[in-house]
Amino acid sequence: MSELLTGIQQVGIGVRDVDASFYWAHRMFDFDIPVFDDEAEAKLMTRYTGGEVHSRRALLALNLAGGGGFEIWSFKSRDSQPPSFMPELGDIGINEVCLKVKDIEAAHRRMLKDQPEAVSMVAQDPSDNSTFTVTDPFGNTFRLVESKEWFCEPKHGVGGVCGATIGVHSIDNSLPFYRDVLGLDDVVYDEEGTFHDLDNKRRFRRVLLHKPQADEGAFARLFGSTSIELVQSLDKEGRAVFENRFWGDLGYIHLCFDVNDMDALKSRCESIGAKFTVDSAESFDMGEAEGRFAYVEDPDGTWIEFVQAHKVPILKKLGWFIDLRKRRSNTPLPDWMLKSMGLNRVSPKKAREKYAPSV
């Protein structure tokens, strides 16, 4: 059976200031390629926005070293709302987004020097790998993990999204969804107790799931492998991070997977009771990109997005776009073609001039 999911395409991040968030991600994590920057009405998402159509701005930023991107997202028609409580690890939803680094100690030194108040100490996770976290100025926590899997040489040793930590009510109830829908069937560890790398004394059950890099899909070699850690709080009930809020409000909105065959994926999801809650059904215009998108919910209501890309900008200045609907196979695009997207990079100087917050 052909692979339906390639890897993590992007994570949606709800913010109030798209420019400031992109500038921070550009400076700290080398997310320096804006694939698209689009303003429009989110007409298909009224199920999750109080039954009303709201306008938004979305900027998809990419780090060409490898891994998924950031879809930096902000309402234009209302004030994006924060949680009514301070979310903690184990609360229901996306708790952390994982980025890969080439050398964990070197990355830690650089980020600690730049943002000392936002960086945790290096610690070992249950598989004895070194890790640390960085919290951005907007309250989003990123977990840095060491990787040997790269599409391009990282400029400052940091790559794109390789996974996420997701809080669930019951790991036993959630595992079939992540295994059967997302294909994450390799269990790296399954541990209960207190954990040094979480820097607290609360008890959790943690299960790390892994899926190796796909062999099929236009962007397979760019996105790489996927790891998702499910975390269940054992000493108190987790609360929904998006409780009484809209999709698109502040925080991690969704985890988005790149899809090779949306119709086949829809049939698979329906067969196991995970029906699409939103489906654009046809190509959806994102300004400089197009694709079909859909949503499902995990057993706790966390939003998982699927996107089958149709049109992707390769070299905007020359008007070079690739129409993936005309391809006859799911083989990966040539590396040279994807690396050409690097010509769309925003330089540090231009980033400061165009996106940096005014003081």
Protein backbone atom coordinates (compact mmCIF):
# COMPACT_ATOMS: atom_id res chain seq x y z
CA MET A 1 0.00 0.00 0.00
CA SER A 2 1.37 3.41 -0.90
CA GLU A 3 2.16 5.83 1.90
CA LEU A 4 -0.66 8.28 2.49
CA LEU A 5 1.21 10.60 4.86
CA THR A 6 4.67 11.97 4.15
CA GLY A 7 5.54 13.74 7.40
CA ILE A 8 4.85 16.89 9.39
CA GLN A 9 4.27 19.73 6.94
CA GLN A 10 3.81 22.45 9.56
CA VAL A 11 2.47 23.34 12.97
CA GLY A 12 -0.10 26.10 13.29
CA ILE A 13 0.85 28.79 15.82
CA GLY A 14 -1.77 31.34 16.86
CA VAL A 15 -0.24 34.77 17.53
CA ARG A 16 -1.25 38.43 17.75
CA ASP A 17 1.62 39.81 15.64
CA VAL A 18 2.61 37.69 12.63
CA ASP A 19 5.57 39.91 11.75
CA ALA A 20 7.07 39.80 15.25
CA SER A 21 6.60 36.02 15.50
CA PHE A 22 8.20 35.41 12.11
CA TYR A 23 11.12 37.67 13.02
CA TRP A 24 11.75 35.76 16.25
CA ALA A 25 11.57 32.36 14.48
CA HIS A 26 13.87 33.70 11.75
CA ARG A 27 16.46 34.94 14.24
CA MET A 28 16.39 32.04 16.71
CA PHE A 29 15.56 29.01 14.57
CA ASP A 30 16.50 30.02 10.99
CA PHE A 31 12.92 29.81 9.69
CA ASP A 32 13.83 32.23 6.93
CA ILE A 33 11.76 31.17 3.90
CA PRO A 34 8.21 32.56 3.73
CA VAL A 35 6.46 30.03 1.49
CA PHE A 36 3.31 32.13 1.48
CA ASP A 37 1.91 35.15 3.31
CA ASP A 38 -1.82 35.34 2.79
CA GLU A 39 -4.82 37.27 4.12
CA ALA A 40 -8.31 35.86 3.62
CA GLU A 41 -11.52 34.79 5.32
CA ALA A 42 -11.53 31.37 7.03
CA LYS A 43 -14.92 30.44 5.57
CA LEU A 44 -14.51 26.70 5.99
CA MET A 45 -13.60 26.82 9.69
CA THR A 46 -16.85 28.20 11.16
CA ARG A 47 -17.36 24.87 12.96
CA TYR A 48 -14.51 25.98 15.25
CA THR A 49 -14.98 29.78 15.20
CA GLY A 50 -18.37 30.20 16.85
CA GLY A 51 -20.34 29.78 13.65
CA GLU A 52 -18.97 33.04 12.24
CA VAL A 53 -16.60 33.68 9.35
CA HIS A 54 -13.43 35.42 10.55
CA SER A 55 -10.61 36.92 8.53
CA ARG A 56 -7.02 35.98 9.19
CA ARG A 57 -3.43 36.34 8.09
CA ALA A 58 -1.26 33.24 7.72
CA LEU A 59 2.47 33.08 6.95
CA LEU A 60 4.10 29.70 6.32
CA ALA A 61 7.80 29.80 7.25
CA LEU A 62 10.29 27.06 6.42
CA ASN A 63 13.79 26.05 7.51
CA LEU A 64 15.37 24.31 4.51
CA ALA A 65 17.72 22.26 6.68
CA GLY A 66 14.85 19.80 6.98
CA GLY A 67 11.66 19.24 8.94
CA GLY A 68 8.25 20.87 8.92
CA GLY A 69 7.47 24.57 9.01
CA PHE A 70 5.55 27.08 11.10
CA GLU A 71 2.18 28.37 9.93
CA ILE A 72 2.12 31.63 11.87
CA TRP A 73 -1.54 32.61 12.13
CA SER A 74 -3.47 35.61 13.44
CA PHE A 75 -7.08 36.76 13.40
CA LYS A 76 -7.71 40.04 11.60
CA SER A 77 -11.39 40.39 12.55
CA ARG A 78 -11.12 39.80 16.31
CA ASP A 79 -8.58 39.82 19.11
CA SER A 80 -6.84 36.44 19.40
CA GLN A 81 -7.57 35.10 22.87
CA PRO A 82 -5.14 33.47 25.33
CA PRO A 83 -6.10 30.49 27.51
CA SER A 84 -8.13 31.33 30.61
CA PHE A 85 -5.52 29.44 32.69
CA MET A 86 -1.78 28.84 32.53
CA PRO A 87 -1.37 25.60 30.54
CA GLU A 88 0.96 22.96 31.94
CA LEU A 89 2.52 19.84 30.53
CA GLY A 90 -0.14 17.16 30.35
CA ASP A 91 -2.97 19.56 29.61
CA ILE A 92 -5.02 18.47 26.63
CA GLY A 93 -3.65 19.61 23.29
CA ILE A 94 -0.26 20.37 21.77
CA ASN A 95 2.07 21.19 24.67
CA GLU A 96 5.41 21.51 22.86
CA VAL A 97 6.74 21.49 19.31
CA CYS A 98 10.00 19.61 18.69
CA LEU A 99 12.79 21.00 16.53
CA LYS A 100 15.92 19.14 15.54
CA VAL A 101 19.46 20.35 16.18
CA LYS A 102 22.79 19.05 14.99
CA ASP A 103 24.71 19.49 18.26
CA ILE A 104 22.58 19.84 21.39
CA GLU A 105 25.31 21.43 23.53
CA ALA A 106 26.27 23.96 20.86
CA ALA A 107 22.62 24.88 20.27
CA HIS A 108 22.10 25.25 24.01
CA ARG A 109 25.09 27.57 24.41
CA ARG A 110 23.95 29.81 21.54
CA MET A 111 20.34 30.07 22.71
CA LEU A 112 21.25 30.45 26.37
CA LYS A 113 23.49 33.38 25.46
CA ASP A 114 20.73 34.99 23.41
CA GLN A 115 17.67 34.24 25.58
CA PRO A 116 18.91 33.17 29.05
CA GLU A 117 15.53 33.61 30.73
CA ALA A 118 13.74 31.45 28.15
CA VAL A 119 16.04 28.39 27.95
CA SER A 120 15.97 25.34 30.23
CA MET A 121 18.97 23.27 31.22
CA VAL A 122 20.00 20.25 29.15
CA ALA A 123 18.58 17.00 30.53
CA GLN A 124 18.10 13.40 29.41
CA ASP A 125 14.75 12.07 28.25
CA PRO A 126 13.61 8.47 28.93
CA SER A 127 15.60 7.18 25.94
CA ASP A 128 18.73 8.88 27.37
CA ASN A 129 18.86 11.52 24.66
CA SER A 130 19.81 15.08 25.62
CA THR A 131 17.15 17.74 25.23
CA PHE A 132 16.20 21.25 26.38
CA THR A 133 13.36 23.71 25.85
CA VAL A 134 13.09 27.29 24.62
CA THR A 135 10.02 29.43 25.27
CA ASP A 136 9.37 32.24 22.81
CA PRO A 137 8.25 35.73 23.93
CA PHE A 138 4.67 34.73 23.13
CA GLY A 139 4.52 31.77 25.52
CA ASN A 140 5.09 28.88 23.11
CA THR A 141 7.51 26.16 24.23
CA PHE A 142 9.82 24.41 21.77
CA ARG A 143 11.75 21.26 22.63
CA LEU A 144 15.14 20.85 20.96
CA VAL A 145 16.28 17.30 20.17
CA GLU A 146 19.48 16.08 18.54
CA SER A 147 19.22 14.63 15.04
CA LYS A 148 21.48 13.17 12.37
CA GLU A 149 18.83 13.53 9.66
CA TRP A 150 19.25 16.62 7.48
CA PHE A 151 18.10 17.77 4.06
CA CYS A 152 20.56 20.70 3.90
CA GLU A 153 23.38 21.72 6.20
CA PRO A 154 21.79 23.83 8.95
CA LYS A 155 23.14 27.37 9.09
CA HIS A 156 23.26 27.59 12.88
CA GLY A 157 22.75 23.94 13.75
CA VAL A 158 18.93 24.16 13.96
CA GLY A 159 16.36 22.53 11.71
CA GLY A 160 12.61 22.34 11.32
CA VAL A 161 9.75 20.61 13.09
CA CYS A 162 10.32 16.90 13.69
CA GLY A 163 7.59 16.20 16.24
CA ALA A 164 5.39 17.38 19.07
CA THR A 165 4.38 16.65 22.64
CA ILE A 166 0.62 16.19 22.95
CA GLY A 167 -1.30 16.01 26.20
CA VAL A 168 -4.06 13.38 26.34
CA HIS A 169 -6.56 12.16 28.92
CA SER A 170 -5.74 8.49 28.32
CA ILE A 171 -2.79 7.18 26.35
CA ASP A 172 -4.50 3.80 25.97
CA ASN A 173 -7.49 5.48 24.30
CA SER A 174 -5.31 7.73 22.12
CA LEU A 175 -2.78 5.21 20.85
CA PRO A 176 -5.05 3.60 18.20
CA PHE A 177 -5.66 7.00 16.58
CA TYR A 178 -1.98 7.89 16.33
CA ARG A 179 -1.12 4.38 15.15
CA ASP A 180 -3.93 3.74 12.66
CA VAL A 181 -4.54 7.26 11.30
CA LEU A 182 -1.03 8.74 11.39
CA GLY A 183 0.98 5.52 11.01
CA LEU A 184 3.08 6.07 14.15
CA ASP A 185 3.47 2.43 15.12
CA ASP A 186 7.05 2.35 16.45
CA VAL A 187 7.00 2.74 20.26
CA VAL A 188 10.36 4.15 21.35
CA TYR A 189 9.49 4.18 25.06
CA ASP A 190 6.51 3.84 27.40
CA GLU A 191 7.37 5.12 30.88
CA GLU A 192 5.58 6.23 34.06
CA GLY A 193 6.91 8.33 36.94
CA THR A 194 8.65 11.65 37.45
CA PHE A 195 11.17 12.85 34.87
CA HIS A 196 14.25 15.01 35.14
CA ASP A 197 13.87 16.52 31.66
CA LEU A 198 10.39 17.83 32.55
CA ASP A 199 11.83 19.78 35.48
CA ASN A 200 8.98 19.09 37.87
CA LYS A 201 7.90 16.51 40.41
CA ARG A 202 4.56 15.62 38.92
CA ARG A 203 3.89 12.09 37.69
CA PHE A 204 3.24 11.34 34.05
CA ARG A 205 2.93 8.48 31.63
CA ARG A 206 4.93 9.21 28.49
CA VAL A 207 4.87 7.28 25.22
CA LEU A 208 7.12 8.29 22.34
CA LEU A 209 5.91 7.18 18.90
CA HIS A 210 8.05 7.29 15.77
CA LYS A 211 7.61 6.97 12.02
CA PRO A 212 10.70 6.88 9.77
CA GLN A 213 11.11 9.11 6.74
CA ALA A 214 8.65 8.20 4.02
CA ASP A 215 9.82 6.70 0.74
CA GLU A 216 7.00 8.37 -1.20
CA GLY A 217 5.80 11.95 -1.46
CA ALA A 218 7.09 15.08 -3.19
CA PHE A 219 8.54 16.49 0.04
CA ALA A 220 9.49 13.24 1.81
CA ARG A 221 13.22 13.96 2.05
CA LEU A 222 12.60 17.53 3.20
CA PHE A 223 10.16 16.68 6.00
CA GLY A 224 12.02 13.58 7.22
CA SER A 225 10.87 11.32 10.06
CA THR A 226 8.19 12.06 12.64
CA SER A 227 8.07 11.60 16.41
CA ILE A 228 5.10 12.35 18.64
CA GLU A 229 5.18 12.02 22.41
CA LEU A 230 1.86 11.44 24.15
CA VAL A 231 1.82 12.68 27.75
CA GLN A 232 -0.82 11.76 30.32
CA SER A 233 -0.90 13.51 33.69
CA LEU A 234 -1.27 10.92 36.45
CA ASP A 235 -1.70 13.14 39.50
CA LYS A 236 -4.27 15.61 38.21
CA GLU A 237 -6.79 15.92 35.39
CA GLY A 238 -5.54 17.72 32.31
CA ARG A 239 -7.54 20.69 31.00
CA ALA A 240 -8.14 21.44 27.33
CA VAL A 241 -5.71 24.11 26.16
CA PHE A 242 -8.38 25.48 23.78
CA GLU A 243 -11.19 25.27 26.32
CA ASN A 244 -13.84 27.92 25.50
CA ARG A 245 -11.67 29.39 22.72
CA PHE A 246 -11.67 29.40 18.94
CA TRP A 247 -9.45 27.52 16.55
CA GLY A 248 -6.85 30.15 15.62
CA ASP A 249 -6.55 31.68 19.08
CA LEU A 250 -3.17 31.96 20.79
CA GLY A 251 -0.95 28.90 21.09
CA TYR A 252 -0.38 25.72 19.11
CA ILE A 253 -3.46 25.36 16.93
CA HIS A 254 -2.89 22.18 14.95
CA LEU A 255 -0.32 19.68 13.79
CA CYS A 256 -0.41 19.39 9.99
CA PHE A 257 0.67 16.36 7.95
CA ASP A 258 1.59 16.32 4.27
CA VAL A 259 -0.68 13.96 2.29
CA ASN A 260 -0.09 12.01 -0.90
CA ASP A 261 -3.69 10.87 -1.56
CA MET A 262 -6.44 12.74 0.32
CA ASP A 263 -9.29 10.60 -1.02
CA ALA A 264 -7.63 7.39 0.13
CA LEU A 265 -6.82 8.95 3.51
CA LYS A 266 -10.43 10.08 3.92
CA SER A 267 -11.63 6.52 3.28
CA ARG A 268 -9.13 5.15 5.79
CA CYS A 269 -10.20 7.66 8.44
CA GLU A 270 -13.89 6.92 7.90
CA SER A 271 -13.26 3.18 8.20
CA ILE A 272 -11.83 3.60 11.70
CA GLY A 273 -14.26 6.22 12.95
CA ALA A 274 -12.07 9.31 12.57
CA LYS A 275 -14.14 11.21 10.01
CA PHE A 276 -13.00 14.49 8.53
CA THR A 277 -14.64 17.38 10.39
CA VAL A 278 -13.56 19.91 7.74
CA ASP A 279 -12.70 19.21 4.11
CA SER A 280 -12.01 21.86 1.48
CA ALA A 281 -12.88 19.10 -1.06
CA GLU A 282 -10.97 20.89 -3.82
CA SER A 283 -7.98 23.15 -4.22
CA PHE A 284 -7.85 25.97 -1.69
CA ASP A 285 -6.02 29.17 -2.60
CA MET A 286 -3.38 30.37 -0.10
CA GLY A 287 -2.14 33.21 -2.28
CA GLU A 288 1.20 31.86 -3.47
CA ALA A 289 0.30 28.23 -2.78
CA GLU A 290 -2.70 25.96 -3.29
CA GLY A 291 -3.85 22.64 -1.89
CA ARG A 292 -6.68 20.60 -0.45
CA PHE A 293 -6.90 20.60 3.31
CA ALA A 294 -8.91 18.66 5.88
CA TYR A 295 -9.15 18.28 9.65
CA VAL A 296 -9.72 15.41 12.03
CA GLU A 297 -9.73 15.38 15.82
CA ASP A 298 -7.82 13.00 18.05
CA PRO A 299 -9.89 11.31 20.81
CA ASP A 300 -9.53 14.41 23.00
CA GLY A 301 -10.39 16.93 20.30
CA THR A 302 -6.85 18.06 19.41
CA TRP A 303 -6.84 19.31 15.84
CA ILE A 304 -4.85 17.38 13.25
CA GLU A 305 -4.71 18.94 9.80
CA PHE A 306 -3.99 17.20 6.50
CA VAL A 307 -2.81 19.06 3.39
CA GLN A 308 -2.31 17.70 -0.10
CA ALA A 309 -0.26 20.38 -1.83
CA HIS A 310 -1.29 21.30 -5.38
CA LYS A 311 0.79 24.39 -6.20
CA VAL A 312 4.04 25.32 -4.46
CA PRO A 313 6.31 28.32 -5.13
CA ILE A 314 9.88 27.29 -5.95
CA LEU A 315 11.37 30.59 -7.09
CA LYS A 316 8.93 33.45 -6.64
CA LYS A 317 11.07 36.16 -8.28
CA LEU A 318 10.98 34.30 -11.59
CA GLY A 319 7.38 33.14 -11.22
CA TRP A 320 8.44 29.48 -10.94
CA PHE A 321 5.72 27.38 -9.35
CA ILE A 322 5.28 23.62 -9.51
CA ASP A 323 1.83 22.10 -10.08
CA LEU A 324 1.91 18.78 -8.27
CA ARG A 325 -1.41 17.68 -9.80
CA LYS A 326 0.45 17.15 -13.08
CA ARG A 327 2.92 14.69 -11.58
CA ARG A 328 2.26 11.02 -12.28
CA SER A 329 4.12 9.57 -9.33
CA ASN A 330 4.64 10.12 -5.63
CA THR A 331 8.42 9.94 -5.91
CA PRO A 332 10.23 12.73 -4.02
CA LEU A 333 10.97 15.91 -5.94
CA PRO A 334 14.61 16.28 -6.96
CA ASP A 335 16.75 17.72 -4.16
CA TRP A 336 18.02 20.52 -6.43
CA MET A 337 14.46 21.69 -7.03
CA LEU A 338 13.57 21.88 -3.35
CA LYS A 339 16.90 23.51 -2.52
CA SER A 340 16.04 26.20 -5.08
CA MET A 341 13.46 27.42 -2.58
CA GLY A 342 16.44 28.75 -0.63
CA LEU A 343 16.61 31.58 -3.16
CA ASN A 344 13.42 32.91 -1.52
CA ARG A 345 15.20 33.37 1.82
CA VAL A 346 14.70 36.59 3.74
CA SER A 347 18.13 37.91 4.76
CA PRO A 348 18.73 38.95 8.38
CA LYS A 349 18.94 42.58 7.23
CA LYS A 350 15.63 42.44 5.37
CA ALA A 351 14.03 40.59 8.29
CA ARG A 352 15.02 43.41 10.63
CA GLU A 353 13.77 46.06 8.25
CA LYS A 354 10.46 44.41 7.36
CA TYR A 355 9.44 42.26 10.32
CA ALA A 356 11.22 43.36 13.50
CA PRO A 357 8.93 45.01 16.07
CA SER A 358 9.43 48.77 16.37
CA VAL A 359 10.87 49.84 19.72
